Protein backbone atom coordinates (compact mmCIF):
# COMPACT_ATOMS: atom_id res chain seq x y z
CA UNK A 1 51.48 19.43 100.17
CA UNK A 2 50.13 22.56 98.44
CA UNK A 3 48.51 25.08 100.69
CA UNK A 4 45.16 26.42 99.41
CA UNK A 5 46.94 30.18 99.09
CA UNK A 6 48.62 28.51 96.21
CA UNK A 7 45.47 28.19 94.24
CA UNK A 8 44.41 31.10 92.04
CA UNK A 9 40.71 32.05 92.35
CA UNK A 10 39.49 33.74 89.44
CA UNK A 11 36.13 34.31 87.45
CA UNK A 12 34.97 31.62 85.22
CA UNK A 13 35.97 32.36 81.63
CA UNK A 14 34.12 31.01 78.39
CA UNK A 15 37.48 29.32 77.46
CA UNK A 16 37.15 27.29 80.70
CA UNK A 17 34.04 25.43 79.64
CA UNK A 18 35.55 22.08 78.71
CA UNK A 19 37.35 21.94 81.86
CA UNK A 20 34.73 23.04 83.99
CA UNK A 21 32.53 20.14 82.25
CA UNK A 22 35.18 17.64 83.23
CA UNK A 23 35.66 19.14 86.54
CA UNK A 24 31.78 19.17 87.54
CA UNK A 25 31.21 15.46 86.76
CA UNK A 26 34.48 14.35 88.57
CA UNK A 27 33.64 16.70 91.90
CA UNK A 28 30.01 14.99 91.71
CA UNK A 29 31.60 11.44 91.30
CA UNK A 30 33.93 12.21 94.26
CA UNK A 31 31.16 13.95 96.19
CA UNK A 32 28.00 11.56 95.73
CA UNK A 33 29.53 8.29 94.68
CA UNK A 34 27.97 6.58 97.67
CA UNK A 35 25.00 8.75 98.14
CA UNK A 36 23.07 8.54 94.93
CA UNK A 37 22.55 6.01 91.94
CA UNK A 38 25.52 5.02 89.84
CA UNK A 39 23.21 5.70 86.72
CA UNK A 40 22.68 9.44 87.54
CA UNK A 41 26.40 10.04 87.79
CA UNK A 42 27.04 7.89 84.50
CA UNK A 43 24.45 9.80 82.72
CA UNK A 44 26.34 13.21 83.83
CA UNK A 45 29.47 11.66 82.18
CA UNK A 46 27.69 10.44 79.33
CA UNK A 47 26.46 14.34 78.58
CA UNK A 48 29.64 16.04 78.54
CA UNK A 49 28.78 18.06 75.12
CA UNK A 50 25.91 19.44 76.75
CA UNK A 51 27.69 20.62 79.95
CA UNK A 52 30.59 22.20 78.03
CA UNK A 53 27.84 24.23 76.23
CA UNK A 54 26.07 25.19 79.57
CA UNK A 55 29.52 25.99 81.19
CA UNK A 56 29.82 28.17 78.17
CA UNK A 57 26.80 29.74 78.61
CA UNK A 58 26.98 30.19 82.47
CA UNK A 59 30.37 32.09 81.82
CA UNK A 60 28.69 34.48 79.09
CA UNK A 61 25.23 34.98 80.98
CA UNK A 62 24.59 33.48 83.91
CA UNK A 63 22.77 35.11 86.70
CA UNK A 64 25.09 33.46 89.09
CA UNK A 65 28.91 34.74 89.54
CA UNK A 66 31.26 31.49 89.26
CA UNK A 67 34.71 31.60 90.62
CA UNK A 68 37.16 28.90 89.62
CA UNK A 69 39.82 27.36 92.00
CA UNK A 70 43.14 26.87 89.52
CA UNK A 71 46.34 25.03 90.60
CA UNK A 72 49.07 24.56 88.09
CA UNK A 73 46.70 24.98 85.28
CA UNK A 74 44.42 22.36 86.59
CA UNK A 75 40.70 23.59 87.98
CA UNK A 76 40.61 22.26 91.31
CA UNK A 77 36.98 23.35 92.50
CA UNK A 78 34.48 26.16 91.84
CA UNK A 79 32.03 28.15 93.87
CA UNK A 80 28.94 29.83 91.98
CA UNK A 81 26.64 32.64 94.01
CA UNK A 82 23.54 34.04 92.63
CA UNK A 83 20.40 35.44 93.55
CA UNK A 84 18.12 33.70 95.74
CA UNK A 85 15.55 31.17 93.67
CA UNK A 86 13.28 30.23 96.63
CA UNK A 87 10.30 32.65 96.86
CA UNK A 88 9.64 31.38 100.55
CA UNK A 89 12.63 32.68 102.06
CA UNK A 90 13.47 36.41 102.67
CA UNK A 91 17.30 35.79 101.65
CA UNK A 92 18.56 37.45 98.57
CA UNK A 93 21.77 35.18 98.10
CA UNK A 94 22.08 31.54 97.40
CA UNK A 95 25.09 29.59 97.28
CA UNK A 96 24.41 27.80 93.99
CA UNK A 97 27.35 25.45 94.11
CA UNK A 98 30.37 24.83 96.01
CA UNK A 99 32.75 21.95 94.94
CA UNK A 100 36.31 20.89 95.36
CA UNK A 101 38.29 17.98 94.04
CA UNK A 102 38.66 15.31 96.97
CA UNK A 103 42.40 15.95 96.85
CA UNK A 104 41.53 19.19 98.39
CA UNK A 105 38.97 18.23 101.08
CA UNK A 106 40.06 19.49 104.47
CA UNK A 107 42.85 21.69 103.33
CA UNK A 108 40.94 24.91 103.60
CA UNK A 109 40.25 25.61 100.04
CA UNK A 110 36.52 25.01 100.42
CA UNK A 111 36.58 27.75 103.15
CA UNK A 112 38.47 30.03 100.88
CA UNK A 113 36.14 29.88 97.98
CA UNK A 114 33.13 30.21 100.06
CA UNK A 115 34.62 33.34 102.01
CA UNK A 116 35.65 34.80 98.71
CA UNK A 117 32.34 34.34 97.04
CA UNK A 118 29.84 35.12 100.13
CA UNK A 119 32.12 36.96 102.77
CA UNK A 120 29.94 37.02 105.75
CA UNK A 121 26.59 37.41 103.93
CA UNK A 122 23.20 36.15 105.02
CA UNK A 123 22.59 33.39 102.55
CA UNK A 124 21.12 29.93 101.74
CA UNK A 125 21.90 26.83 100.42
CA UNK A 126 20.77 23.13 99.46
CA UNK A 127 22.64 20.11 100.62
CA UNK A 128 22.18 16.45 99.77
CA UNK A 129 20.62 14.69 102.68
CA UNK A 130 23.25 12.08 103.94
CA UNK A 131 26.30 14.29 102.70
CA UNK A 132 27.52 14.58 106.16
CA UNK A 133 30.96 16.35 105.07
CA UNK A 134 29.26 18.98 103.22
CA UNK A 135 26.60 19.53 106.28
CA UNK A 136 29.66 19.54 108.46
CA UNK A 137 31.54 21.98 106.90
CA UNK A 138 28.41 24.25 106.06
CA UNK A 139 27.61 24.15 109.69
CA UNK A 140 31.07 25.48 110.42
CA UNK A 141 30.64 28.49 108.24
CA UNK A 142 27.56 29.15 110.19
CA UNK A 143 24.74 27.61 108.07
CA UNK A 144 21.97 25.72 109.85
CA UNK A 145 19.18 23.48 108.49
CA UNK A 146 15.83 25.58 108.47
CA UNK A 147 13.51 22.41 108.21
CA UNK A 148 12.79 22.62 104.55
CA UNK A 149 13.50 20.00 102.16
CA UNK A 150 12.79 18.99 98.49
CA UNK A 151 13.10 16.02 96.51
CA UNK A 152 15.17 16.00 93.36
CA UNK A 153 15.78 12.71 91.12
CA UNK A 154 19.42 12.78 92.89
CA UNK A 155 17.90 12.55 96.28
CA UNK A 156 16.44 14.41 99.01
CA UNK A 157 18.18 18.13 99.75
CA UNK A 158 18.16 20.10 102.77
CA UNK A 159 18.10 23.71 103.04
CA UNK A 160 20.63 25.55 105.29
CA UNK A 161 20.65 29.06 105.84
CA UNK A 162 22.93 31.81 107.42
CA UNK A 163 21.65 35.08 108.68
């Protein structure tokens, strides 16, 4: 079994756009397959060209810093951290995204990516209600639900903070 230490963490590059679009769709399918409507996931897969353009733009000019996890030439995860977007919260840093392929779950890669991107900084994130695997992971990293929720097309999301 490959150890997370053998995975290279590096900044997102514009040349990663196509692989990032495919990775992003795949990790959503793996993470949310039983938690959201199949048509939402199908629509994401059907819009790959738009996703490639979005990742190319993100690499060139996003407010978030995205780090990819690469193993043997394959992208196996990513983490994006940027300025907080919630006006009702006094935290300046938001974890915009943290995903790893299912084959890497439980092997320490998520922790490594989170530590790389945030260290111990106070921050917050949104997690899909019912995603117990992710919620448990974030709790182990010091995040707690603050009672705030929002409703998105994908489902109800809960905010978690770490101070």
